Amino acid sequence: MYNFKLRYVFMVMIAVCMLVTVFFFAWANTSMGPSTEAMAALQSGNGVQVTTNQWLAFQPESGAVNTGFILYPGGRIEPRSYAPLARDIAAQGYLVVIVPATLNLAILNPDAAREVMEAYPQITHWAVGGHSIGGAAAAEFVRDNPDVQGLVFWASFPQGTVDLSERDDLVVASIYGTNDLVATVQTIEAFHPMLPPDTTFVIIEGGNHEQFGWYGIQPGDGVPTISREEQQRQIVEATVAVLREISGQ
């Protein structure tokens, strides 16, 4: 009787674990976006060449490029949802690569940027960044790869175990919106001590979480009071400032 009870409890535990696993995979594989506008930005032309093979790469059609930016997408957000921003950054003379995320969660593969860096040996200055949980993955990669010169957070912050406060060789920008209820101002600013003292903080008045991309409504987010175009103009401007600084321009 005792053995029967143990077997029953064991079987129930296995069944619960299997059920949780199934729900997790179903949840992780349900991604948001991209919008129609994001899909349109995936077409080459107007000075930007776009390739969509192993990852999404945007680069100027002419001129020498020596600085690159690798972007980790937010949790459960389709990488193509960031195409308009990537395209705008590339148009200013930089390589931009959006890496795919394991199970739509970039934090599960923070080393994704390394393969990109090895694929573009002509790029001598690198910055990485990410939106939401993608920013946490980018910070983890920077911690373990001192050859990266720049880090850009889009509505994000480093995880508690990632302390970059003594990286005085790193150019960092943290960009976030006042109406973001997913990564709130209070949460982001609580992690400011984990960043280098000369980090640039760009607070977008009226900006929210989902306007860092083009993927539709973000559950639990705040309502923006500025247009998506204006918010993304500020995002691009602050990101390009980091790329310009690490390239010595």
Foldseek 3Di string as FASTA:
>chain_A
DVVVVVVVVVVVVVVVVVVVVVVLLVVLLQAFDDDPVLVVLQDDDPQWDWDPDQWTKIAGPDDDEQEEEEEEEAGRYDQSQQSVLQNVLRSVGYMYTYHQDDSSQNLVPLPRVVVVCVVCVSHQAYEYEYAASRRQSRLVNCQVDVSHAEYEYELYAHPPVRAAQPVPSHAYEYEYECQEQVSHPVNRVVRVNSHHPPYHYHYHYQDYRPLSGRGDDDPRTGHGPDDSVVSSVSVSVVVSVRRCVRVVD
